[in-house]
């Protein structure tokens, strides 16, 4: 598969500004689907396995990298909380970049329960600054961030909990946010928030979903640990090569899928997402899995194809798909596809 990539930091990997994203379909009176997959050259591209939210725990970076390599991952991001440093992995096939976890210092004295984000590729100085000051710094230095396990901060038991409106406001205020971790703690609630954000912004700005495991180090036998809910997450990135610039651009363009895994059975690979004037067609490896089309959290169609006429009849402006495996709670999810 070629060169491996290890990213230490934010889930969305990019050093260019999100301002240049192509969302020309906004405001058009057309039902022709527009998605992050429109411009993918599926004949030349590969689907790379990536975990954007990994903690070392009591292990070394080298041990974590080897564990993920042994489980057929192509890239990881190590985001040990509150650290802001560059990890030098030496002269190896891995690319290691600077990382940062950002917490909202003004929301709580308890750091563990303060809403926080994962950030990449920004050389600003973020120490001893408030959440708002850090956000301004990311804008200035053209970094990007995503919200980590966002729905964790909805509950009454958490100090100074936030609501969906708080995330909407943050994304309205700052262009550098690319989306949220859909697969992490409280998956179902994260998925509801993802649909809410897609519906609210309607394609006006990028809102991408990612899958992460967020395991706290490795198990005793040096295996990958699941998150506290007993689930594994992953983001599959579609790119022609696993080179730094190409990988960044694919993530910036949203050419990725979020993945939820409960069992050991591997998921079918997405071989192609064909987006045309009449509709959308999803092709999977050997036709494996069941494809369901989702709007507002509800399944509105089942099958490999979704017709534009269905969107017109239902009066909806976007849809996304999920591919379910035959066994276990295993799902591959798409980004939003807009009409």
C-alpha atoms as a PDB file:
ATOM      1  CA  UNK A   1       0.000   0.000   0.000  1.00  0.00           C
ATOM      2  CA  UNK A   2       3.047   2.220   0.132  1.00  0.00           C
ATOM      3  CA  UNK A   3       4.127   4.789   2.664  1.00  0.00           C
ATOM      4  CA  UNK A   4       2.404   4.795   6.053  1.00  0.00           C
ATOM      5  CA  UNK A   5       1.325   8.055   7.617  1.00  0.00           C
ATOM      6  CA  UNK A   6       1.089   8.819  11.310  1.00  0.00           C
ATOM      7  CA  UNK A   7      -0.578  12.054  12.300  1.00  0.00           C
ATOM      8  CA  UNK A   8      -0.280  13.309  15.841  1.00  0.00           C
ATOM      9  CA  UNK A   9      -3.042  15.783  16.425  1.00  0.00           C
ATOM     10  CA  UNK A  10      -6.299  16.887  14.959  1.00  0.00           C
ATOM     11  CA  UNK A  11      -8.705  14.705  13.148  1.00  0.00           C
ATOM     12  CA  UNK A  12      -8.932  16.854  10.038  1.00  0.00           C
ATOM     13  CA  UNK A  13      -5.479  17.100   8.511  1.00  0.00           C
ATOM     14  CA  UNK A  14      -4.746  20.214   6.502  1.00  0.00           C
ATOM     15  CA  UNK A  15      -2.662  23.365   6.483  1.00  0.00           C
ATOM     16  CA  UNK A  16      -4.654  25.321   3.948  1.00  0.00           C
ATOM     17  CA  UNK A  17      -7.653  27.474   4.742  1.00  0.00           C
ATOM     18  CA  UNK A  18     -11.141  26.018   4.488  1.00  0.00           C
ATOM     19  CA  UNK A  19     -12.304  29.204   2.817  1.00  0.00           C
ATOM     20  CA  UNK A  20     -11.422  27.792  -0.595  1.00  0.00           C
ATOM     21  CA  UNK A  21     -13.788  24.841  -0.357  1.00  0.00           C
ATOM     22  CA  UNK A  22     -16.106  24.390  -3.320  1.00  0.00           C
ATOM     23  CA  UNK A  23     -19.733  24.597  -2.271  1.00  0.00           C
ATOM     24  CA  UNK A  24     -21.097  26.143  -5.466  1.00  0.00           C
ATOM     25  CA  UNK A  25     -24.392  24.312  -5.127  1.00  0.00           C
ATOM     26  CA  UNK A  26     -25.534  26.442  -2.192  1.00  0.00           C
ATOM     27  CA  UNK A  27     -28.699  28.275  -3.053  1.00  0.00           C
ATOM     28  CA  UNK A  28     -29.150  26.622  -6.443  1.00  0.00           C
ATOM     29  CA  UNK A  29     -32.625  25.391  -7.341  1.00  0.00           C
ATOM     30  CA  UNK A  30     -31.379  22.025  -8.505  1.00  0.00           C
ATOM     31  CA  UNK A  31     -31.734  18.453  -7.319  1.00  0.00           C
ATOM     32  CA  UNK A  32     -28.530  17.289  -8.969  1.00  0.00           C
ATOM     33  CA  UNK A  33     -26.569  15.618  -6.150  1.00  0.00           C
ATOM     34  CA  UNK A  34     -23.362  17.277  -4.962  1.00  0.00           C
ATOM     35  CA  UNK A  35     -21.099  15.471  -2.543  1.00  0.00           C
ATOM     36  CA  UNK A  36     -17.464  15.181  -1.460  1.00  0.00           C
ATOM     37  CA  UNK A  37     -17.253  12.113  -3.705  1.00  0.00           C
ATOM     38  CA  UNK A  38     -18.105  13.844  -7.005  1.00  0.00           C
ATOM     39  CA  UNK A  39     -14.513  14.441  -8.047  1.00  0.00           C
ATOM     40  CA  UNK A  40     -12.971  11.174  -6.817  1.00  0.00           C
ATOM     41  CA  UNK A  41     -11.130   9.135  -9.453  1.00  0.00           C
ATOM     42  CA  UNK A  42     -12.187   5.744  -8.134  1.00  0.00           C
ATOM     43  CA  UNK A  43      -9.997   3.852 -10.608  1.00  0.00           C
ATOM     44  CA  UNK A  44      -6.869   5.569  -9.299  1.00  0.00           C
ATOM     45  CA  UNK A  45      -7.793   6.001  -5.628  1.00  0.00           C
ATOM     46  CA  UNK A  46      -7.416   3.789  -2.568  1.00  0.00           C
ATOM     47  CA  UNK A  47      -9.352   3.737   0.691  1.00  0.00           C
ATOM     48  CA  UNK A  48      -6.955   4.231   3.610  1.00  0.00           C
ATOM     49  CA  UNK A  49      -7.694   3.155   7.183  1.00  0.00           C
ATOM     50  CA  UNK A  50      -7.131   5.950   9.694  1.00  0.00           C
ATOM     51  CA  UNK A  51      -7.810   6.500  13.404  1.00  0.00           C
ATOM     52  CA  UNK A  52      -7.816  10.246  14.091  1.00  0.00           C
ATOM     53  CA  UNK A  53      -8.018  10.080  17.914  1.00  0.00           C
ATOM     54  CA  UNK A  54      -5.528   7.799  19.655  1.00  0.00           C
ATOM     55  CA  UNK A  55      -4.044   8.009  23.167  1.00  0.00           C
ATOM     56  CA  UNK A  56      -0.766   6.383  24.173  1.00  0.00           C
ATOM     57  CA  UNK A  57      -1.747   5.779  27.809  1.00  0.00           C
ATOM     58  CA  UNK A  58       1.147   3.977  29.499  1.00  0.00           C
ATOM     59  CA  UNK A  59       2.624   2.959  26.146  1.00  0.00           C
ATOM     60  CA  UNK A  60       5.230   4.577  23.963  1.00  0.00           C
ATOM     61  CA  UNK A  61       4.470   6.140  20.605  1.00  0.00           C
ATOM     62  CA  UNK A  62       6.427   3.334  18.939  1.00  0.00           C
ATOM     63  CA  UNK A  63       4.308   0.647  20.618  1.00  0.00           C
ATOM     64  CA  UNK A  64       1.070   2.370  19.582  1.00  0.00           C
ATOM     65  CA  UNK A  65       2.244   2.764  15.986  1.00  0.00           C
ATOM     66  CA  UNK A  66       3.201  -0.912  15.765  1.00  0.00           C
ATOM     67  CA  UNK A  67      -0.155  -2.021  17.201  1.00  0.00           C
ATOM     68  CA  UNK A  68      -2.093  -0.071  14.584  1.00  0.00           C
ATOM     69  CA  UNK A  69       0.216  -1.202  11.780  1.00  0.00           C
ATOM     70  CA  UNK A  70      -0.366  -4.812  12.844  1.00  0.00           C
ATOM     71  CA  UNK A  71      -4.119  -4.177  12.564  1.00  0.00           C
ATOM     72  CA  UNK A  72      -3.810  -2.936   8.965  1.00  0.00           C
ATOM     73  CA  UNK A  73      -4.164   0.776   9.686  1.00  0.00           C
ATOM     74  CA  UNK A  74      -2.485   3.184   7.303  1.00  0.00           C
ATOM     75  CA  UNK A  75      -2.527   6.294   9.496  1.00  0.00           C
ATOM     76  CA  UNK A  76      -3.171   7.393  13.071  1.00  0.00           C
ATOM     77  CA  UNK A  77      -3.257  10.629  15.016  1.00  0.00           C
ATOM     78  CA  UNK A  78      -1.985  10.587  18.592  1.00  0.00           C
ATOM     79  CA  UNK A  79      -3.802  13.277  20.555  1.00  0.00           C
ATOM     80  CA  UNK A  80      -2.790  12.879  24.187  1.00  0.00           C
ATOM     81  CA  UNK A  81      -4.880  15.423  26.058  1.00  0.00           C
ATOM     82  CA  UNK A  82      -3.602  18.896  26.811  1.00  0.00           C
ATOM     83  CA  UNK A  83      -0.272  18.274  25.077  1.00  0.00           C
ATOM     84  CA  UNK A  84       1.045  20.688  22.497  1.00  0.00           C
ATOM     85  CA  UNK A  85       4.320  19.352  21.179  1.00  0.00           C
ATOM     86  CA  UNK A  86       6.022  17.889  18.176  1.00  0.00           C
ATOM     87  CA  UNK A  87       6.803  14.183  18.438  1.00  0.00           C
ATOM     88  CA  UNK A  88      10.008  13.152  16.710  1.00  0.00           C
ATOM     89  CA  UNK A  89       9.674   9.541  15.588  1.00  0.00           C
ATOM     90  CA  UNK A  90      13.003   9.566  13.829  1.00  0.00           C
ATOM     91  CA  UNK A  91      13.945   8.427  10.366  1.00  0.00           C
ATOM     92  CA  UNK A  92      11.162   5.950   9.664  1.00  0.00           C
ATOM     93  CA  UNK A  93       8.333   5.505   7.198  1.00  0.00           C
ATOM     94  CA  UNK A  94       6.054   7.460   9.542  1.00  0.00           C
ATOM     95  CA  UNK A  95       5.235  11.123   9.255  1.00  0.00           C
ATOM     96  CA  UNK A  96       4.617  12.620  12.708  1.00  0.00           C
ATOM     97  CA  UNK A  97       3.225  16.123  13.045  1.00  0.00           C
ATOM     98  CA  UNK A  98       2.521  18.556  15.857  1.00  0.00           C
ATOM     99  CA  UNK A  99      -0.685  18.051  17.852  1.00  0.00           C
ATOM    100  CA  UNK A 100      -3.011  19.926  20.121  1.00  0.00           C
ATOM    101  CA  UNK A 101      -6.109  19.218  22.201  1.00  0.00           C
ATOM    102  CA  UNK A 102      -8.030  22.391  23.055  1.00  0.00           C
ATOM    103  CA  UNK A 103     -10.326  22.613  26.063  1.00  0.00           C
ATOM    104  CA  UNK A 104     -12.807  25.353  26.929  1.00  0.00           C
ATOM    105  CA  UNK A 105     -11.145  26.817  30.014  1.00  0.00           C
ATOM    106  CA  UNK A 106     -14.000  29.191  30.733  1.00  0.00           C
ATOM    107  CA  UNK A 107     -16.643  26.456  30.971  1.00  0.00           C
ATOM    108  CA  UNK A 108     -15.411  24.439  33.896  1.00  0.00           C
ATOM    109  CA  UNK A 109     -12.620  24.063  36.408  1.00  0.00           C
ATOM    110  CA  UNK A 110     -12.691  20.351  35.657  1.00  0.00           C
ATOM    111  CA  UNK A 111     -10.613  19.936  32.489  1.00  0.00           C
ATOM    112  CA  UNK A 112     -11.835  16.402  31.827  1.00  0.00           C
ATOM    113  CA  UNK A 113     -15.422  17.592  31.365  1.00  0.00           C
ATOM    114  CA  UNK A 114     -14.767  20.785  29.439  1.00  0.00           C
ATOM    115  CA  UNK A 115     -15.743  20.701  25.739  1.00  0.00           C
ATOM    116  CA  UNK A 116     -12.608  20.215  23.707  1.00  0.00           C
ATOM    117  CA  UNK A 117     -11.447  19.869  20.136  1.00  0.00           C
ATOM    118  CA  UNK A 118      -8.641  18.250  18.172  1.00  0.00           C
ATOM    119  CA  UNK A 119      -6.458  20.510  16.054  1.00  0.00           C
ATOM    120  CA  UNK A 120      -3.865  19.991  13.334  1.00  0.00           C
ATOM    121  CA  UNK A 121      -1.256  21.883  11.414  1.00  0.00           C
ATOM    122  CA  UNK A 122      -1.226  25.215  13.133  1.00  0.00           C
ATOM    123  CA  UNK A 123       2.007  26.730  14.451  1.00  0.00           C
ATOM    124  CA  UNK A 124       0.345  29.226  16.762  1.00  0.00           C
ATOM    125  CA  UNK A 125       0.982  29.570  20.480  1.00  0.00           C
ATOM    126  CA  UNK A 126      -1.996  28.152  22.400  1.00  0.00           C
ATOM    127  CA  UNK A 127      -0.666  27.881  25.938  1.00  0.00           C
ATOM    128  CA  UNK A 128      -2.590  29.619  28.740  1.00  0.00           C
ATOM    129  CA  UNK A 129      -5.268  30.938  26.410  1.00  0.00           C
ATOM    130  CA  UNK A 130      -9.046  30.725  26.556  1.00  0.00           C
ATOM    131  CA  UNK A 131     -11.089  28.731  24.085  1.00  0.00           C
ATOM    132  CA  UNK A 132     -12.026  31.886  22.174  1.00  0.00           C
ATOM    133  CA  UNK A 133      -8.411  33.076  22.017  1.00  0.00           C
ATOM    134  CA  UNK A 134      -7.339  29.694  20.697  1.00  0.00           C
ATOM    135  CA  UNK A 135     -10.075  29.837  18.061  1.00  0.00           C
ATOM    136  CA  UNK A 136      -8.849  33.206  16.838  1.00  0.00           C
ATOM    137  CA  UNK A 137      -5.312  31.837  16.732  1.00  0.00           C
ATOM    138  CA  UNK A 138      -6.404  28.888  14.592  1.00  0.00           C
ATOM    139  CA  UNK A 139      -8.120  31.243  12.178  1.00  0.00           C
ATOM    140  CA  UNK A 140      -4.972  33.352  11.884  1.00  0.00           C
ATOM    141  CA  UNK A 141      -2.670  30.389  11.347  1.00  0.00           C
ATOM    142  CA  UNK A 142      -5.023  28.484   9.011  1.00  0.00           C
ATOM    143  CA  UNK A 143      -5.295  25.425  11.192  1.00  0.00           C
ATOM    144  CA  UNK A 144      -8.362  23.199  11.386  1.00  0.00           C
ATOM    145  CA  UNK A 145     -10.288  21.511  14.210  1.00  0.00           C
ATOM    146  CA  UNK A 146     -13.093  19.044  14.888  1.00  0.00           C
ATOM    147  CA  UNK A 147     -15.213  18.586  17.999  1.00  0.00           C
ATOM    148  CA  UNK A 148     -14.230  15.545  20.056  1.00  0.00           C
ATOM    149  CA  UNK A 149     -17.083  13.265  21.274  1.00  0.00           C
ATOM    150  CA  UNK A 150     -19.381  16.318  21.262  1.00  0.00           C
ATOM    151  CA  UNK A 151     -22.498  14.785  22.768  1.00  0.00           C
ATOM    152  CA  UNK A 152     -20.556  13.889  25.920  1.00  0.00           C
ATOM    153  CA  UNK A 153     -21.124  17.474  26.985  1.00  0.00           C
ATOM    154  CA  UNK A 154     -24.938  17.457  26.728  1.00  0.00           C
ATOM    155  CA  UNK A 155     -25.667  15.717  30.012  1.00  0.00           C
ATOM    156  CA  UNK A 156     -26.817  17.245  33.294  1.00  0.00           C
ATOM    157  CA  UNK A 157     -24.063  15.420  35.171  1.00  0.00           C
ATOM    158  CA  UNK A 158     -21.345  17.367  33.373  1.00  0.00           C
ATOM    159  CA  UNK A 159     -20.395  20.808  34.695  1.00  0.00           C
ATOM    160  CA  UNK A 160     -21.716  23.684  32.595  1.00  0.00           C
ATOM    161  CA  UNK A 161     -23.106  21.432  29.887  1.00  0.00           C
ATOM    162  CA  UNK A 162     -23.617  22.790  26.384  1.00  0.00           C
ATOM    163  CA  UNK A 163     -26.328  22.257  23.768  1.00  0.00           C
ATOM    164  CA  UNK A 164     -26.585  21.724  20.022  1.00  0.00           C
ATOM    165  CA  UNK A 165     -26.900  25.485  19.644  1.00  0.00           C
ATOM    166  CA  UNK A 166     -23.442  25.955  21.133  1.00  0.00           C
ATOM    167  CA  UNK A 167     -21.851  23.811  18.392  1.00  0.00           C
ATOM    168  CA  UNK A 168     -23.869  25.582  15.707  1.00  0.00           C
ATOM    169  CA  UNK A 169     -22.703  28.954  17.004  1.00  0.00           C
ATOM    170  CA  UNK A 170     -19.070  27.855  17.061  1.00  0.00           C
ATOM    171  CA  UNK A 171     -19.268  26.683  13.440  1.00  0.00           C
ATOM    172  CA  UNK A 172     -20.978  29.916  12.424  1.00  0.00           C
ATOM    173  CA  UNK A 173     -18.281  31.975  14.148  1.00  0.00           C
ATOM    174  CA  UNK A 174     -15.203  30.092  12.932  1.00  0.00           C
ATOM    175  CA  UNK A 175     -14.570  28.728   9.448  1.00  0.00           C
ATOM    176  CA  UNK A 176     -11.766  26.385  10.486  1.00  0.00           C
ATOM    177  CA  UNK A 177     -14.085  23.786  12.033  1.00  0.00           C
ATOM    178  CA  UNK A 178     -14.507  20.816   9.696  1.00  0.00           C
ATOM    179  CA  UNK A 179     -17.030  18.787  11.676  1.00  0.00           C
ATOM    180  CA  UNK A 180     -17.421  16.364  14.581  1.00  0.00           C
ATOM    181  CA  UNK A 181     -16.434  12.927  15.764  1.00  0.00           C
ATOM    182  CA  UNK A 182     -19.537  10.885  14.962  1.00  0.00           C
ATOM    183  CA  UNK A 183     -18.149   7.562  16.188  1.00  0.00           C
ATOM    184  CA  UNK A 184     -16.873   7.959  19.751  1.00  0.00           C
ATOM    185  CA  UNK A 185     -18.561   7.970  23.164  1.00  0.00           C
ATOM    186  CA  UNK A 186     -22.388   8.170  22.969  1.00  0.00           C
ATOM    187  CA  UNK A 187     -22.464   7.360  19.248  1.00  0.00           C
ATOM    188  CA  UNK A 188     -26.223   7.674  18.802  1.00  0.00           C
ATOM    189  CA  UNK A 189     -26.321  11.203  20.209  1.00  0.00           C
ATOM    190  CA  UNK A 190     -23.310  12.230  18.108  1.00  0.00           C
ATOM    191  CA  UNK A 191     -25.141  10.992  15.029  1.00  0.00           C
ATOM    192  CA  UNK A 192     -28.198  13.091  15.916  1.00  0.00           C
ATOM    193  CA  UNK A 193     -25.953  16.146  16.245  1.00  0.00           C
ATOM    194  CA  UNK A 194     -24.345  15.351  12.880  1.00  0.00           C
ATOM    195  CA  UNK A 195     -27.757  15.299  11.183  1.00  0.00           C
ATOM    196  CA  UNK A 196     -28.736  18.517  12.970  1.00  0.00           C
ATOM    197  CA  UNK A 197     -25.607  20.293  11.723  1.00  0.00           C
ATOM    198  CA  UNK A 198     -26.097  19.008   8.156  1.00  0.00           C
ATOM    199  CA  UNK A 199     -29.698  20.210   8.205  1.00  0.00           C
ATOM    200  CA  UNK A 200     -28.849  23.585   9.741  1.00  0.00           C
ATOM    201  CA  UNK A 201     -26.015  24.509   7.387  1.00  0.00           C
ATOM    202  CA  UNK A 202     -27.500  22.811   4.328  1.00  0.00           C
ATOM    203  CA  UNK A 203     -24.218  22.871   2.434  1.00  0.00           C
ATOM    204  CA  UNK A 204     -23.363  26.491   3.274  1.00  0.00           C
ATOM    205  CA  UNK A 205     -20.160  25.264   4.891  1.00  0.00           C
ATOM    206  CA  UNK A 206     -18.443  21.895   5.314  1.00  0.00           C
ATOM    207  CA  UNK A 207     -19.734  19.619   8.075  1.00  0.00           C
ATOM    208  CA  UNK A 208     -17.915  16.289   8.058  1.00  0.00           C
ATOM    209  CA  UNK A 209     -18.252  13.271  10.313  1.00  0.00           C
ATOM    210  CA  UNK A 210     -15.324  11.136  11.445  1.00  0.00           C
ATOM    211  CA  UNK A 211     -14.938   7.815  13.206  1.00  0.00           C
ATOM    212  CA  UNK A 212     -12.431   7.371  16.033  1.00  0.00           C
ATOM    213  CA  UNK A 213     -11.689   4.775  18.705  1.00  0.00           C
ATOM    214  CA  UNK A 214     -10.301   7.052  21.445  1.00  0.00           C
ATOM    215  CA  UNK A 215      -8.841   4.090  23.302  1.00  0.00           C
ATOM    216  CA  UNK A 216      -6.670   4.903  26.306  1.00  0.00           C
ATOM    217  CA  UNK A 217      -3.448   3.142  25.356  1.00  0.00           C
ATOM    218  CA  UNK A 218      -3.034  -0.521  24.467  1.00  0.00           C
ATOM    219  CA  UNK A 219      -4.297  -3.684  26.148  1.00  0.00           C
ATOM    220  CA  UNK A 220      -2.021  -6.013  28.118  1.00  0.00           C
ATOM    221  CA  UNK A 221      -1.395  -8.068  24.995  1.00  0.00           C
ATOM    222  CA  UNK A 222      -0.523  -4.847  23.098  1.00  0.00           C
ATOM    223  CA  UNK A 223      -3.794  -4.785  21.179  1.00  0.00           C
ATOM    224  CA  UNK A 224      -5.982  -1.808  20.325  1.00  0.00           C
ATOM    225  CA  UNK A 225      -8.430  -0.986  23.101  1.00  0.00           C
ATOM    226  CA  UNK A 226     -12.044   0.042  22.398  1.00  0.00           C
ATOM    227  CA  UNK A 227     -13.621   3.185  23.773  1.00  0.00           C
ATOM    228  CA  UNK A 228     -15.560   3.096  27.087  1.00  0.00           C
ATOM    229  CA  UNK A 229     -18.700   2.066  25.173  1.00  0.00           C
ATOM    230  CA  UNK A 230     -16.892  -1.058  23.931  1.00  0.00           C
ATOM    231  CA  UNK A 231     -16.812   0.175  20.321  1.00  0.00           C
ATOM    232  CA  UNK A 232     -14.085   0.784  17.780  1.00  0.00           C
ATOM    233  CA  UNK A 233     -14.098   3.692  15.332  1.00  0.00           C
ATOM    234  CA  UNK A 234     -12.200   4.483  12.190  1.00  0.00           C
ATOM    235  CA  UNK A 235     -12.149   7.021   9.366  1.00  0.00           C
ATOM    236  CA  UNK A 236     -11.615   5.730   5.841  1.00  0.00           C
ATOM    237  CA  UNK A 237      -9.958   8.336   3.632  1.00  0.00           C
ATOM    238  CA  UNK A 238     -10.179   8.142  -0.166  1.00  0.00           C
ATOM    239  CA  UNK A 239      -7.000   9.372  -1.854  1.00  0.00           C
ATOM    240  CA  UNK A 240      -4.795   8.422  -4.774  1.00  0.00           C
ATOM    241  CA  UNK A 241      -1.686   8.217  -2.591  1.00  0.00           C
ATOM    242  CA  UNK A 242      -0.903   8.271   1.092  1.00  0.00           C
ATOM    243  CA  UNK A 243       1.356  11.264   0.716  1.00  0.00           C
ATOM    244  CA  UNK A 244       1.019  14.197   3.081  1.00  0.00           C
ATOM    245  CA  UNK A 245      -0.450  16.819   0.766  1.00  0.00           C
ATOM    246  CA  UNK A 246      -2.821  14.428  -0.996  1.00  0.00           C
ATOM    247  CA  UNK A 247      -4.058  12.976   2.270  1.00  0.00           C
ATOM    248  CA  UNK A 248      -4.685  16.447   3.687  1.00  0.00           C
ATOM    249  CA  UNK A 249      -6.595  17.551   0.602  1.00  0.00           C
ATOM    250  CA  UNK A 250      -8.777  14.443   0.603  1.00  0.00           C
ATOM    251  CA  UNK A 251      -9.768  15.148   4.212  1.00  0.00           C
ATOM    252  CA  UNK A 252     -10.292  18.830   3.528  1.00  0.00           C
ATOM    253  CA  UNK A 253     -12.636  17.900   0.669  1.00  0.00           C
ATOM    254  CA  UNK A 254     -14.515  15.415   2.869  1.00  0.00           C
ATOM    255  CA  UNK A 255     -13.524  12.385   0.784  1.00  0.00           C
ATOM    256  CA  UNK A 256     -13.899  10.004   3.685  1.00  0.00           C
ATOM    257  CA  UNK A 257     -16.291   7.684   5.513  1.00  0.00           C
ATOM    258  CA  UNK A 258     -16.871   7.229   9.240  1.00  0.00           C
ATOM    259  CA  UNK A 259     -16.822   3.659  10.552  1.00  0.00           C
ATOM    260  CA  UNK A 260     -18.318   1.998  13.633  1.00  0.00           C
ATOM    261  CA  UNK A 261     -17.117  -1.496  14.565  1.00  0.00           C
ATOM    262  CA  UNK A 262     -18.413  -3.738  17.311  1.00  0.00           C
ATOM    263  CA  UNK A 263     -17.318  -7.181  16.176  1.00  0.00           C
ATOM    264  CA  UNK A 264     -14.157  -8.647  14.690  1.00  0.00           C
ATOM    265  CA  UNK A 265     -15.682  -9.123  11.264  1.00  0.00           C
ATOM    266  CA  UNK A 266     -14.228  -6.635   8.799  1.00  0.00           C
ATOM    267  CA  UNK A 267     -16.480  -4.303   6.886  1.00  0.00           C
ATOM    268  CA  UNK A 268     -16.920  -4.362   3.107  1.00  0.00           C
ATOM    269  CA  UNK A 269     -14.860  -1.779   1.273  1.00  0.00           C
ATOM    270  CA  UNK A 270     -16.611   1.009  -0.607  1.00  0.00           C
ATOM    271  CA  UNK A 271     -15.431   0.622  -4.194  1.00  0.00           C
ATOM    272  CA  UNK A 272     -17.281   3.561  -5.724  1.00  0.00           C
ATOM    273  CA  UNK A 273     -19.855   6.266  -5.045  1.00  0.00           C
ATOM    274  CA  UNK A 274     -21.302   7.213  -8.425  1.00  0.00           C
ATOM    275  CA  UNK A 275     -23.056  10.605  -8.302  1.00  0.00           C
ATOM    276  CA  UNK A 276     -25.008  11.607 -11.401  1.00  0.00           C
ATOM    277  CA  UNK A 277     -27.948  13.727 -12.508  1.00  0.00           C
ATOM    278  CA  UNK A 278     -30.434  10.911 -11.931  1.00  0.00           C
ATOM    279  CA  UNK A 279     -29.171   9.849  -8.534  1.00  0.00           C
ATOM    280  CA  UNK A 280     -26.500   8.129  -6.472  1.00  0.00           C
ATOM    281  CA  UNK A 281     -25.216   4.570  -6.619  1.00  0.00           C
ATOM    282  CA  UNK A 282     -22.974   2.884  -4.032  1.00  0.00           C
ATOM    283  CA  UNK A 283     -20.798  -0.062  -5.028  1.00  0.00           C
ATOM    284  CA  UNK A 284     -19.218  -2.233  -2.348  1.00  0.00           C
ATOM    285  CA  UNK A 285     -16.725  -5.065  -2.446  1.00  0.00           C
ATOM    286  CA  UNK A 286     -18.500  -8.106  -3.928  1.00  0.00           C
ATOM    287  CA  UNK A 287     -21.826  -6.411  -3.233  1.00  0.00           C
ATOM    288  CA  UNK A 288     -21.447  -7.026   0.502  1.00  0.00           C
ATOM    289  CA  UNK A 289     -23.532  -5.199   3.098  1.00  0.00           C
ATOM    290  CA  UNK A 290     -26.939  -3.538   3.105  1.00  0.00           C
ATOM    291  CA  UNK A 291     -27.115   0.110   2.028  1.00  0.00           C
ATOM    292  CA  UNK A 292     -29.686   2.319   3.705  1.00  0.00           C
ATOM    293  CA  UNK A 293     -30.313   5.972   2.882  1.00  0.00           C
ATOM    294  CA  UNK A 294     -30.880   8.273   5.846  1.00  0.00           C
ATOM    295  CA  UNK A 295     -32.408  11.713   6.352  1.00  0.00           C
ATOM    296  CA  UNK A 296     -33.060  13.231   9.773  1.00  0.00           C
ATOM    297  CA  UNK A 297     -32.080   9.979  11.458  1.00  0.00           C
ATOM    298  CA  UNK A 298     -34.738   7.987   9.595  1.00  0.00           C
ATOM    299  CA  UNK A 299     -34.196   5.350   6.896  1.00  0.00           C
ATOM    300  CA  UNK A 300     -36.027   6.546   3.783  1.00  0.00           C
ATOM    301  CA  UNK A 301     -34.728   4.034   1.237  1.00  0.00           C
ATOM    302  CA  UNK A 302     -32.872   0.712   1.168  1.00  0.00           C
ATOM    303  CA  UNK A 303     -30.714  -0.463  -1.718  1.00  0.00           C
ATOM    304  CA  UNK A 304     -27.602   0.478  -3.652  1.00  0.00           C
ATOM    305  CA  UNK A 305     -29.292   3.348  -5.508  1.00  0.00           C
ATOM    306  CA  UNK A 306     -31.042   6.541  -4.467  1.00  0.00           C
ATOM    307  CA  UNK A 307     -32.989   8.460  -7.124  1.00  0.00           C
ATOM    308  CA  UNK A 308     -33.151  12.238  -7.366  1.00  0.00           C
ATOM    309  CA  UNK A 309     -36.913  11.886  -7.852  1.00  0.00           C
ATOM    310  CA  UNK A 310     -37.174  10.471  -4.322  1.00  0.00           C
ATOM    311  CA  UNK A 311     -35.506  13.583  -2.911  1.00  0.00           C
ATOM    312  CA  UNK A 312     -37.883  15.784  -4.912  1.00  0.00           C
ATOM    313  CA  UNK A 313     -40.945  13.856  -3.729  1.00  0.00           C
ATOM    314  CA  UNK A 314     -39.872  14.030  -0.082  1.00  0.00           C
ATOM    315  CA  UNK A 315     -38.794  17.665  -0.332  1.00  0.00           C
ATOM    316  CA  UNK A 316     -35.380  17.007   1.228  1.00  0.00           C
ATOM    317  CA  UNK A 317     -32.151  18.821   0.436  1.00  0.00           C
ATOM    318  CA  UNK A 318     -29.633  16.198   1.546  1.00  0.00           C
ATOM    319  CA  UNK A 319     -29.205  12.524   2.278  1.00  0.00           C
ATOM    320  CA  UNK A 320     -26.446  10.285   3.577  1.00  0.00           C
ATOM    321  CA  UNK A 321     -25.964   6.537   3.408  1.00  0.00           C
ATOM    322  CA  UNK A 322     -24.936   3.815   5.838  1.00  0.00           C
ATOM    323  CA  UNK A 323     -23.645   0.372   4.881  1.00  0.00           C
ATOM    324  CA  UNK A 324     -24.460  -2.332   7.420  1.00  0.00           C
ATOM    325  CA  UNK A 325     -22.543  -5.612   7.616  1.00  0.00           C
ATOM    326  CA  UNK A 326     -24.245  -8.957   8.039  1.00  0.00           C
ATOM    327  CA  UNK A 327     -22.937  -9.517  11.558  1.00  0.00           C
ATOM    328  CA  UNK A 328     -22.567  -7.299  14.607  1.00  0.00           C
ATOM    329  CA  UNK A 329     -23.040  -3.595  14.946  1.00  0.00           C
ATOM    330  CA  UNK A 330     -20.765  -2.594  12.071  1.00  0.00           C
ATOM    331  CA  UNK A 331     -21.504   0.465   9.958  1.00  0.00           C
ATOM    332  CA  UNK A 332     -19.783   2.520   7.267  1.00  0.00           C
ATOM    333  CA  UNK A 333     -21.293   6.012   7.019  1.00  0.00           C
ATOM    334  CA  UNK A 334     -21.008   8.684   4.349  1.00  0.00           C
ATOM    335  CA  UNK A 335     -20.783  12.437   4.483  1.00  0.00           C
ATOM    336  CA  UNK A 336     -23.806  14.510   3.516  1.00  0.00           C
ATOM    337  CA  UNK A 337     -24.882  14.459  -0.145  1.00  0.00           C
ATOM    338  CA  UNK A 338     -26.799  17.600  -1.078  1.00  0.00           C
ATOM    339  CA  UNK A 339     -29.370  18.364  -3.804  1.00  0.00           C
END
